[in-house]
N, C-alpha and C. Protein backbone atom coordinates (compact mmCIF):
# COMPACT_ATOMS: atom_id res chain seq x y z
N MET A 1 -26.35 -28.31 -6.45
CA MET A 1 -26.62 -27.16 -6.55
C MET A 1 -25.78 -27.21 -4.80
N PRO A 2 -25.21 -26.17 -4.24
CA PRO A 2 -24.36 -26.43 -3.04
C PRO A 2 -25.40 -26.48 -1.49
N LEU A 3 -26.38 -26.06 -1.64
CA LEU A 3 -27.28 -26.34 -0.57
C LEU A 3 -27.89 -27.84 -0.47
N GLU A 4 -28.27 -28.18 -1.69
CA GLU A 4 -28.49 -29.59 -1.54
C GLU A 4 -27.22 -30.60 -1.28
N LEU A 5 -26.05 -29.97 -1.45
CA LEU A 5 -25.08 -30.93 -1.16
C LEU A 5 -24.57 -30.86 0.57
N GLU A 6 -25.25 -29.40 1.08
CA GLU A 6 -24.76 -29.22 2.65
C GLU A 6 -26.30 -29.63 3.51
N GLY A 7 -27.37 -29.72 2.75
CA GLY A 7 -28.70 -30.13 3.58
C GLY A 7 -28.91 -29.10 4.24
N ARG A 8 -29.00 -27.76 3.67
CA ARG A 8 -29.36 -26.70 4.43
C ARG A 8 -30.32 -25.98 3.56
N THR A 9 -30.91 -24.81 4.08
CA THR A 9 -31.99 -24.07 3.25
C THR A 9 -31.35 -22.94 2.89
N LEU A 10 -31.96 -22.24 1.78
CA LEU A 10 -31.14 -21.29 1.54
C LEU A 10 -31.02 -19.89 2.94
N THR A 11 -32.09 -19.90 3.57
CA THR A 11 -32.05 -19.06 4.70
C THR A 11 -30.71 -19.20 5.60
N ASP A 12 -30.57 -20.52 5.98
CA ASP A 12 -29.38 -21.24 6.64
C ASP A 12 -28.23 -20.92 5.80
N PHE A 13 -28.11 -21.01 4.88
CA PHE A 13 -26.98 -20.86 4.26
C PHE A 13 -26.66 -19.37 4.00
N VAL A 14 -27.69 -18.43 3.60
CA VAL A 14 -27.14 -16.83 3.84
C VAL A 14 -26.60 -16.42 4.97
N VAL A 15 -27.66 -16.91 6.01
CA VAL A 15 -27.30 -16.66 7.59
C VAL A 15 -26.09 -16.70 7.76
N ALA A 16 -25.31 -17.97 7.41
CA ALA A 16 -24.30 -18.72 8.09
C ALA A 16 -23.16 -17.78 7.00
N ALA A 17 -23.45 -17.61 5.95
CA ALA A 17 -22.27 -16.63 4.79
C ALA A 17 -22.28 -15.67 5.66
N VAL A 18 -23.36 -14.82 5.80
CA VAL A 18 -23.31 -13.40 6.20
C VAL A 18 -22.34 -13.44 7.97
N HIS A 19 -22.91 -14.44 8.25
CA HIS A 19 -22.24 -14.35 10.06
C HIS A 19 -20.85 -14.35 9.80
N ALA A 20 -20.18 -15.48 8.68
CA ALA A 20 -18.77 -15.68 8.76
C ALA A 20 -18.33 -14.25 8.24
N ALA A 21 -18.84 -13.65 7.15
CA ALA A 21 -18.18 -12.27 6.84
C ALA A 21 -18.11 -11.28 7.65
N ALA A 22 -19.20 -11.30 8.65
CA ALA A 22 -19.40 -10.32 9.53
C ALA A 22 -18.45 -10.40 10.61
N LYS A 23 -18.21 -11.97 11.13
CA LYS A 23 -16.88 -12.12 11.99
C LYS A 23 -15.53 -11.80 11.19
N GLN A 24 -15.70 -11.78 10.14
CA GLN A 24 -14.10 -11.86 9.79
C GLN A 24 -13.87 -10.06 9.76
N ALA A 25 -14.96 -9.58 9.33
CA ALA A 25 -14.72 -8.10 9.02
C ALA A 25 -14.27 -7.49 10.70
N ILE A 26 -14.96 -7.98 11.68
CA ILE A 26 -15.00 -7.16 12.97
C ILE A 26 -13.63 -7.91 13.60
N GLU A 27 -12.72 -9.04 13.25
CA GLU A 27 -11.75 -9.51 13.27
C GLU A 27 -10.52 -8.50 12.62
N GLN A 28 -10.97 -8.26 11.46
CA GLN A 28 -9.85 -7.58 11.01
C GLN A 28 -9.84 -5.90 11.47
N SER A 29 -11.08 -5.64 11.89
CA SER A 29 -11.13 -4.06 12.21
C SER A 29 -10.74 -4.10 13.29
N ASN A 30 -10.40 -5.11 14.52
CA ASN A 30 -9.99 -4.90 15.60
C ASN A 30 -8.38 -5.16 15.87
N VAL A 31 -7.60 -5.41 14.54
CA VAL A 31 -5.96 -5.31 14.43
C VAL A 31 -5.43 -3.98 14.19
N VAL A 32 -4.55 -3.53 15.45
CA VAL A 32 -3.77 -1.94 15.18
C VAL A 32 -2.54 -2.51 14.58
N ARG A 33 -2.01 -1.89 13.29
CA ARG A 33 -0.64 -2.10 13.17
C ARG A 33 -0.06 -0.87 13.15
N LEU A 34 1.12 -0.96 13.99
CA LEU A 34 1.87 0.10 14.45
C LEU A 34 3.17 0.00 13.74
N SER A 35 3.78 1.16 13.30
CA SER A 35 5.63 1.17 13.06
C SER A 35 6.04 0.77 14.18
N LEU A 36 7.48 0.67 13.76
CA LEU A 36 8.12 0.01 14.88
C LEU A 36 8.45 1.41 15.60
N ALA A 37 8.60 2.54 15.47
CA ALA A 37 8.51 3.56 16.16
C ALA A 37 7.24 3.74 17.41
N ASP A 38 6.14 3.80 16.73
CA ASP A 38 4.81 3.86 17.32
C ASP A 38 5.01 2.24 18.18
N GLN A 39 5.51 1.36 18.36
CA GLN A 39 5.60 0.22 18.65
C GLN A 39 6.09 0.40 20.16
N ALA A 40 7.58 0.99 19.84
CA ALA A 40 8.22 1.11 20.79
C ALA A 40 7.86 2.20 21.82
N CYS A 41 7.21 3.11 21.30
CA CYS A 41 6.59 4.09 22.31
C CYS A 41 5.25 3.63 23.20
N PHE A 42 4.47 2.66 22.42
CA PHE A 42 3.73 1.94 23.01
C PHE A 42 3.95 1.16 24.06
N ALA A 43 5.13 0.50 23.92
CA ALA A 43 5.71 -0.43 24.80
C ALA A 43 6.09 0.28 25.93
N GLN A 44 7.02 1.52 25.66
CA GLN A 44 7.21 2.46 26.88
C GLN A 44 6.20 2.88 27.66
N ALA A 45 5.41 3.54 27.11
CA ALA A 45 4.23 3.87 27.84
C ALA A 45 3.47 2.62 28.75
N LEU A 46 3.61 1.42 28.44
CA LEU A 46 3.09 0.41 29.25
C LEU A 46 3.91 0.32 30.04
N LEU A 47 5.46 0.21 29.93
CA LEU A 47 6.37 0.01 31.42
C LEU A 47 6.57 1.28 32.04
N SER A 48 6.34 2.24 31.60
CA SER A 48 6.60 3.30 32.60
C SER A 48 5.51 4.50 32.26
N PRO A 49 4.56 4.21 32.85
CA PRO A 49 3.02 4.92 32.77
C PRO A 49 3.52 6.37 33.10
N PRO A 50 2.73 7.40 32.75
CA PRO A 50 2.98 8.62 33.25
C PRO A 50 1.74 8.56 34.53
N PRO A 51 2.33 9.48 35.63
CA PRO A 51 1.27 9.60 36.89
C PRO A 51 0.03 9.95 36.55
N ALA A 52 -0.76 9.46 37.42
CA ALA A 52 -2.30 9.64 37.07
C ALA A 52 -2.51 11.10 37.41
N ALA A 53 -3.41 11.58 36.59
CA ALA A 53 -3.93 12.88 36.93
C ALA A 53 -4.75 12.72 38.13
N PRO A 54 -4.82 14.33 38.66
CA PRO A 54 -5.71 14.29 39.67
C PRO A 54 -6.89 13.85 39.82
N ALA A 55 -7.65 13.98 38.36
CA ALA A 55 -9.37 13.89 38.10
C ALA A 55 -9.49 12.48 38.47
N LEU A 56 -8.08 11.71 37.71
CA LEU A 56 -8.16 10.15 37.69
C LEU A 56 -8.07 9.12 39.24
N GLU A 57 -7.18 10.24 40.05
CA GLU A 57 -7.14 9.91 41.54
C GLU A 57 -8.44 10.32 41.95
N ARG A 58 -9.16 11.23 41.98
CA ARG A 58 -10.35 11.44 42.63
C ARG A 58 -11.73 10.36 42.07
N ALA A 59 -11.61 9.86 41.04
CA ALA A 59 -12.53 8.91 40.29
C ALA A 59 -12.17 7.65 41.07
N PHE A 60 -11.12 7.20 41.25
CA PHE A 60 -10.61 6.17 41.62
C PHE A 60 -11.10 6.30 43.61
N ALA A 61 -10.78 7.36 44.12
CA ALA A 61 -11.38 7.27 45.42
C ALA A 61 -12.77 7.18 45.43
N ARG A 62 -13.34 7.90 44.65
CA ARG A 62 -15.02 7.87 44.66
C ARG A 62 -15.67 6.80 44.33
N LYS A 63 -14.72 6.02 43.20
CA LYS A 63 -15.35 4.31 43.12
C LYS A 63 -14.90 3.72 44.46
N LYS A 64 -14.04 3.59 44.95
CA LYS A 64 -13.41 2.74 46.22
C LYS A 64 -14.60 3.09 47.50
N GLN A 65 -14.99 4.46 47.39
CA GLN A 65 -16.47 4.87 48.51
C GLN A 65 -17.29 4.32 48.05
N LEU A 66 -17.74 4.26 46.61
CA LEU A 66 -19.21 3.60 46.66
C LEU A 66 -19.30 2.11 46.58
N LEU A 67 -18.30 1.56 46.49
CA LEU A 67 -18.44 0.11 46.52
C LEU A 67 -18.22 -0.12 47.65
N HIS A 68 -17.32 0.50 48.76
CA HIS A 68 -17.47 0.00 50.42
C HIS A 68 -18.50 0.41 51.21
N ALA A 69 -19.48 1.43 50.43
CA ALA A 69 -20.33 1.90 51.21
C ALA A 69 -21.64 0.57 51.57
N GLU A 70 -21.64 -0.43 50.71
CA GLU A 70 -22.75 -1.20 50.72
C GLU A 70 -22.80 -1.92 52.04
């Protein structure tokens, strides 16, 4: 029996198997696959981002105020 060979209890074996399966599922779900056109678009957005919207500028200014107010 596999458990006897591994020296583990049934609970330890099941927990380890479920943990490994969950880790693999999470890793696979975090992979984003893009077409070549989408890759180029993404790279262009990283290299030449659009200007920040006014609301974002206000948020950064407010964050700076809050952090330096201490």
